[in-house]
Amino acid sequence: MDDRGEVAVEVETGQQIMPEALSELSSYLRKTRDDWERGEIEIKDFPRLVSNAGIVAGSPTIRGTRVETSFIAHMVRSMGVDRILQLYPYLDRDSLVQAARFEGIQPLAA
């Protein structure tokens, strides 16, 4: 029981959790479990990027590829988005821009 007279719920580990936190915790655990089962974790604010422990040791990549964001950022800095699109036609502009921005590089507008 806490100072307000509310009873905490004790979980398997012996830790106590306030009942109002259970809903939020359950939602978080459900999403975490889904990510784990899928093996892929989305990167907040970058919908075209993911991290997957089974692909390039979990380094952030462009979704559906093995192309690392750090590699793209280096390429964008060196040669720009348009040249990369010529070299890698299966990638799209939005993915390249997100990868570069994720790594702290602001690509020049085309």
N, C-alpha and C. Protein backbone atom coordinates (compact mmCIF):
# COMPACT_ATOMS: atom_id res chain seq x y z
N MET A 1 0.85 -1.17 0.00
CA MET A 1 0.00 0.00 0.00
C MET A 1 0.90 1.23 0.00
N ASP A 2 0.54 2.25 -0.82
CA ASP A 2 1.35 3.47 -0.85
C ASP A 2 0.78 4.54 0.08
N ASP A 3 1.37 5.74 0.01
CA ASP A 3 0.95 6.84 0.88
C ASP A 3 -0.50 7.26 0.67
N ARG A 4 -1.02 6.99 -0.53
CA ARG A 4 -2.40 7.38 -0.84
C ARG A 4 -3.39 6.27 -0.51
N GLY A 5 -2.91 5.17 -0.01
CA GLY A 5 -3.79 4.07 0.32
C GLY A 5 -4.07 3.14 -0.84
N GLU A 6 -3.36 3.32 -1.98
CA GLU A 6 -3.57 2.45 -3.13
C GLU A 6 -2.68 1.21 -3.00
N VAL A 7 -3.21 0.11 -3.44
CA VAL A 7 -2.49 -1.15 -3.34
C VAL A 7 -1.74 -1.39 -4.64
N ALA A 8 -0.46 -1.72 -4.53
CA ALA A 8 0.35 -2.04 -5.70
C ALA A 8 0.16 -3.51 -6.04
N VAL A 9 0.38 -3.82 -7.31
CA VAL A 9 0.33 -5.20 -7.77
C VAL A 9 1.75 -5.74 -7.77
N GLU A 10 1.95 -6.89 -7.20
CA GLU A 10 3.28 -7.49 -7.18
C GLU A 10 3.41 -8.42 -8.36
N VAL A 11 4.47 -8.23 -9.15
CA VAL A 11 4.71 -9.08 -10.31
C VAL A 11 5.64 -10.22 -9.92
N GLU A 12 5.85 -11.13 -10.84
CA GLU A 12 6.59 -12.36 -10.58
C GLU A 12 7.96 -12.13 -9.97
N THR A 13 8.62 -11.04 -10.33
CA THR A 13 9.97 -10.76 -9.83
C THR A 13 9.95 -10.21 -8.41
N GLY A 14 8.78 -9.92 -7.89
CA GLY A 14 8.67 -9.34 -6.56
C GLY A 14 8.55 -7.83 -6.58
N GLN A 15 8.73 -7.24 -7.75
CA GLN A 15 8.60 -5.79 -7.89
C GLN A 15 7.13 -5.41 -7.80
N GLN A 16 6.85 -4.26 -7.24
CA GLN A 16 5.47 -3.81 -7.12
C GLN A 16 5.21 -2.70 -8.14
N ILE A 17 4.03 -2.79 -8.75
CA ILE A 17 3.64 -1.83 -9.79
C ILE A 17 2.28 -1.25 -9.42
N MET A 18 2.13 0.04 -9.60
CA MET A 18 0.86 0.69 -9.33
C MET A 18 -0.15 0.28 -10.41
N PRO A 19 -1.38 0.01 -10.05
CA PRO A 19 -2.38 -0.47 -11.02
C PRO A 19 -2.55 0.44 -12.24
N GLU A 20 -2.47 1.76 -12.05
CA GLU A 20 -2.67 2.66 -13.19
C GLU A 20 -1.55 2.55 -14.22
N ALA A 21 -0.41 2.00 -13.83
CA ALA A 21 0.71 1.84 -14.76
C ALA A 21 0.60 0.54 -15.56
N LEU A 22 -0.25 -0.38 -15.14
CA LEU A 22 -0.34 -1.68 -15.80
C LEU A 22 -0.78 -1.60 -17.25
N SER A 23 -1.75 -0.74 -17.55
CA SER A 23 -2.23 -0.62 -18.92
C SER A 23 -1.11 -0.14 -19.85
N GLU A 24 -0.42 0.90 -19.43
CA GLU A 24 0.68 1.44 -20.24
C GLU A 24 1.80 0.40 -20.37
N LEU A 25 2.12 -0.27 -19.30
CA LEU A 25 3.16 -1.29 -19.31
C LEU A 25 2.76 -2.44 -20.23
N SER A 26 1.51 -2.87 -20.16
CA SER A 26 1.04 -3.97 -21.01
C SER A 26 1.15 -3.60 -22.48
N SER A 27 0.80 -2.38 -22.84
CA SER A 27 0.89 -1.91 -24.22
C SER A 27 2.35 -1.91 -24.68
N TYR A 28 3.24 -1.42 -23.84
CA TYR A 28 4.67 -1.38 -24.17
C TYR A 28 5.22 -2.79 -24.35
N LEU A 29 4.87 -3.69 -23.44
CA LEU A 29 5.35 -5.07 -23.53
C LEU A 29 4.82 -5.77 -24.77
N ARG A 30 3.58 -5.50 -25.15
CA ARG A 30 2.99 -6.10 -26.35
C ARG A 30 3.78 -5.65 -27.59
N LYS A 31 4.07 -4.34 -27.70
CA LYS A 31 4.83 -3.83 -28.85
C LYS A 31 6.24 -4.40 -28.86
N THR A 32 6.86 -4.45 -27.70
CA THR A 32 8.21 -5.01 -27.60
C THR A 32 8.23 -6.47 -28.04
N ARG A 33 7.23 -7.23 -27.62
CA ARG A 33 7.14 -8.64 -27.99
C ARG A 33 6.94 -8.78 -29.51
N ASP A 34 6.08 -7.94 -30.08
CA ASP A 34 5.86 -7.97 -31.53
C ASP A 34 7.16 -7.67 -32.28
N ASP A 35 7.90 -6.64 -31.82
CA ASP A 35 9.19 -6.30 -32.43
C ASP A 35 10.16 -7.48 -32.34
N TRP A 36 10.21 -8.11 -31.18
CA TRP A 36 11.12 -9.23 -30.97
C TRP A 36 10.76 -10.41 -31.88
N GLU A 37 9.48 -10.72 -31.99
CA GLU A 37 9.05 -11.82 -32.84
C GLU A 37 9.35 -11.54 -34.31
N ARG A 38 9.17 -10.29 -34.71
CA ARG A 38 9.43 -9.89 -36.08
C ARG A 38 10.94 -9.79 -36.33
N GLY A 39 11.69 -9.56 -35.25
CA GLY A 39 13.14 -9.44 -35.37
C GLY A 39 13.57 -8.08 -35.89
N GLU A 40 12.64 -7.17 -35.94
CA GLU A 40 12.91 -5.87 -36.54
C GLU A 40 12.36 -4.79 -35.64
N ILE A 41 13.16 -3.78 -35.37
CA ILE A 41 12.73 -2.69 -34.52
C ILE A 41 12.68 -1.42 -35.36
N GLU A 42 11.52 -0.78 -35.35
CA GLU A 42 11.36 0.47 -36.09
C GLU A 42 12.14 1.57 -35.38
N ILE A 43 12.58 2.54 -36.15
CA ILE A 43 13.32 3.67 -35.60
C ILE A 43 12.39 4.87 -35.59
N LYS A 44 12.11 5.36 -34.40
CA LYS A 44 11.16 6.46 -34.23
C LYS A 44 11.53 7.66 -35.09
N ASP A 45 10.54 8.23 -35.75
CA ASP A 45 10.66 9.40 -36.62
C ASP A 45 11.36 9.11 -37.95
N PHE A 46 11.71 7.85 -38.20
CA PHE A 46 12.35 7.46 -39.46
C PHE A 46 11.67 6.19 -39.97
N PRO A 47 10.48 6.31 -40.56
CA PRO A 47 9.69 5.12 -40.92
C PRO A 47 10.32 4.20 -41.96
N ARG A 48 11.30 4.67 -42.69
CA ARG A 48 11.94 3.81 -43.70
C ARG A 48 13.19 3.12 -43.19
N LEU A 49 13.50 3.32 -41.90
CA LEU A 49 14.70 2.73 -41.31
C LEU A 49 14.31 1.73 -40.23
N VAL A 50 15.13 0.69 -40.07
CA VAL A 50 14.90 -0.33 -39.04
C VAL A 50 16.23 -0.81 -38.50
N SER A 51 16.13 -1.52 -37.39
CA SER A 51 17.27 -2.22 -36.82
C SER A 51 16.84 -3.67 -36.63
N ASN A 52 17.66 -4.59 -37.09
CA ASN A 52 17.35 -6.01 -36.98
C ASN A 52 18.65 -6.71 -36.58
N ALA A 53 18.65 -7.36 -35.42
CA ALA A 53 19.86 -8.01 -34.91
C ALA A 53 20.42 -9.04 -35.88
N GLY A 54 19.58 -9.59 -36.74
CA GLY A 54 20.03 -10.59 -37.69
C GLY A 54 20.55 -10.03 -39.00
N ILE A 55 20.50 -8.72 -39.15
CA ILE A 55 20.97 -8.08 -40.38
C ILE A 55 22.01 -7.04 -40.00
N VAL A 56 23.20 -7.20 -40.51
CA VAL A 56 24.33 -6.31 -40.26
C VAL A 56 24.49 -6.03 -38.76
N ALA A 57 24.35 -7.07 -37.97
CA ALA A 57 24.55 -7.02 -36.51
C ALA A 57 23.70 -5.96 -35.81
N GLY A 58 22.55 -5.64 -36.40
CA GLY A 58 21.64 -4.70 -35.76
C GLY A 58 21.88 -3.25 -36.11
N SER A 59 22.86 -2.97 -36.97
CA SER A 59 23.09 -1.59 -37.40
C SER A 59 21.83 -1.08 -38.11
N PRO A 60 21.51 0.19 -37.94
CA PRO A 60 20.34 0.73 -38.64
C PRO A 60 20.51 0.60 -40.16
N THR A 61 19.46 0.13 -40.80
CA THR A 61 19.47 -0.06 -42.25
C THR A 61 18.19 0.51 -42.85
N ILE A 62 18.21 0.63 -44.17
CA ILE A 62 17.00 0.99 -44.90
C ILE A 62 16.11 -0.25 -44.91
N ARG A 63 14.85 -0.08 -44.55
CA ARG A 63 13.90 -1.21 -44.46
C ARG A 63 13.93 -2.04 -45.75
N GLY A 64 14.00 -3.35 -45.58
CA GLY A 64 13.97 -4.28 -46.72
C GLY A 64 15.31 -4.44 -47.42
N THR A 65 16.36 -3.85 -46.88
CA THR A 65 17.69 -3.96 -47.49
C THR A 65 18.71 -4.29 -46.41
N ARG A 66 19.95 -4.45 -46.83
CA ARG A 66 21.07 -4.60 -45.91
C ARG A 66 21.96 -3.36 -45.99
N VAL A 67 21.42 -2.28 -46.52
CA VAL A 67 22.18 -1.05 -46.71
C VAL A 67 22.16 -0.24 -45.42
N GLU A 68 23.34 -0.04 -44.82
CA GLU A 68 23.45 0.66 -43.55
C GLU A 68 23.29 2.17 -43.73
N THR A 69 22.66 2.78 -42.74
CA THR A 69 22.48 4.24 -42.77
C THR A 69 23.82 4.96 -42.76
N SER A 70 24.81 4.43 -42.05
CA SER A 70 26.12 5.08 -41.99
C SER A 70 26.80 5.10 -43.36
N PHE A 71 26.62 4.02 -44.13
CA PHE A 71 27.17 3.95 -45.48
C PHE A 71 26.50 5.00 -46.37
N ILE A 72 25.18 5.09 -46.27
CA ILE A 72 24.45 6.08 -47.07
C ILE A 72 24.88 7.49 -46.70
N ALA A 73 25.02 7.77 -45.41
CA ALA A 73 25.43 9.11 -44.99
C ALA A 73 26.79 9.47 -45.57
N HIS A 74 27.72 8.53 -45.55
CA HIS A 74 29.04 8.77 -46.13
C HIS A 74 28.93 9.06 -47.63
N MET A 75 28.12 8.27 -48.31
CA MET A 75 27.94 8.46 -49.75
C MET A 75 27.26 9.79 -50.06
N VAL A 76 26.23 10.13 -49.28
CA VAL A 76 25.53 11.40 -49.51
C VAL A 76 26.50 12.56 -49.34
N ARG A 77 27.31 12.50 -48.30
CA ARG A 77 28.28 13.56 -48.05
C ARG A 77 29.28 13.67 -49.21
N SER A 78 29.66 12.53 -49.78
CA SER A 78 30.67 12.51 -50.84
C SER A 78 30.12 12.85 -52.22
N MET A 79 28.93 12.33 -52.54
CA MET A 79 28.47 12.48 -53.92
C MET A 79 27.04 12.94 -54.11
N GLY A 80 26.26 13.03 -53.04
CA GLY A 80 24.88 13.52 -53.16
C GLY A 80 23.87 12.43 -53.47
N VAL A 81 22.62 12.75 -53.21
CA VAL A 81 21.52 11.79 -53.35
C VAL A 81 21.32 11.35 -54.79
N ASP A 82 21.36 12.29 -55.73
CA ASP A 82 21.08 11.94 -57.13
C ASP A 82 22.07 10.91 -57.68
N ARG A 83 23.34 11.05 -57.35
CA ARG A 83 24.35 10.09 -57.82
C ARG A 83 24.13 8.71 -57.19
N ILE A 84 23.76 8.68 -55.94
CA ILE A 84 23.49 7.41 -55.27
C ILE A 84 22.29 6.71 -55.93
N LEU A 85 21.27 7.49 -56.28
CA LEU A 85 20.10 6.91 -56.95
C LEU A 85 20.48 6.31 -58.30
N GLN A 86 21.46 6.90 -58.98
CA GLN A 86 21.94 6.31 -60.24
C GLN A 86 22.67 4.99 -59.98
N LEU A 87 23.47 4.96 -58.92
CA LEU A 87 24.25 3.76 -58.61
C LEU A 87 23.41 2.65 -57.99
N TYR A 88 22.39 3.03 -57.24
CA TYR A 88 21.52 2.06 -56.54
C TYR A 88 20.06 2.36 -56.88
N PRO A 89 19.62 2.01 -58.08
CA PRO A 89 18.27 2.37 -58.53
C PRO A 89 17.15 1.71 -57.72
N TYR A 90 17.45 0.67 -56.94
CA TYR A 90 16.42 0.03 -56.13
C TYR A 90 16.13 0.80 -54.84
N LEU A 91 16.95 1.79 -54.52
CA LEU A 91 16.68 2.65 -53.36
C LEU A 91 15.83 3.83 -53.81
N ASP A 92 15.15 4.46 -52.88
CA ASP A 92 14.34 5.62 -53.23
C ASP A 92 14.85 6.85 -52.47
N ARG A 93 14.53 8.00 -53.00
CA ARG A 93 15.01 9.28 -52.46
C ARG A 93 14.65 9.45 -50.99
N ASP A 94 13.41 9.17 -50.60
CA ASP A 94 13.00 9.36 -49.21
C ASP A 94 13.83 8.51 -48.25
N SER A 95 14.12 7.28 -48.64
CA SER A 95 14.94 6.41 -47.78
C SER A 95 16.35 6.96 -47.62
N LEU A 96 16.92 7.45 -48.73
CA LEU A 96 18.27 8.01 -48.67
C LEU A 96 18.30 9.26 -47.78
N VAL A 97 17.32 10.11 -47.94
CA VAL A 97 17.26 11.34 -47.14
C VAL A 97 17.10 11.00 -45.66
N GLN A 98 16.22 10.05 -45.34
CA GLN A 98 16.04 9.65 -43.94
C GLN A 98 17.32 9.05 -43.37
N ALA A 99 17.99 8.21 -44.14
CA ALA A 99 19.23 7.60 -43.67
C ALA A 99 20.29 8.66 -43.38
N ALA A 100 20.43 9.61 -44.29
CA ALA A 100 21.41 10.67 -44.10
C ALA A 100 21.06 11.52 -42.88
N ARG A 101 19.81 11.90 -42.75
CA ARG A 101 19.40 12.73 -41.61
C ARG A 101 19.55 11.98 -40.29
N PHE A 102 19.26 10.69 -40.29
CA PHE A 102 19.45 9.88 -39.10
C PHE A 102 20.89 9.93 -38.63
N GLU A 103 21.82 9.97 -39.58
CA GLU A 103 23.24 10.01 -39.27
C GLU A 103 23.77 11.43 -39.12
N GLY A 104 22.87 12.42 -39.15
CA GLY A 104 23.29 13.80 -38.90
C GLY A 104 23.75 14.57 -40.13
N ILE A 105 23.47 14.04 -41.31
CA ILE A 105 23.85 14.70 -42.56
C ILE A 105 22.60 15.29 -43.19
N GLN A 106 22.65 16.55 -43.55
CA GLN A 106 21.52 17.20 -44.21
C GLN A 106 21.80 17.21 -45.73
N PRO A 107 21.12 16.33 -46.47
CA PRO A 107 21.35 16.31 -47.92
C PRO A 107 20.87 17.59 -48.58
N LEU A 108 21.57 17.99 -49.61
CA LEU A 108 21.17 19.18 -50.36
C LEU A 108 19.93 18.87 -51.18
N ALA A 109 19.03 19.83 -51.30
CA ALA A 109 17.81 19.65 -52.08
C ALA A 109 18.19 19.50 -53.54
N ALA A 110 17.46 18.62 -54.23
CA ALA A 110 17.76 18.39 -55.67
C ALA A 110 17.08 19.43 -56.51
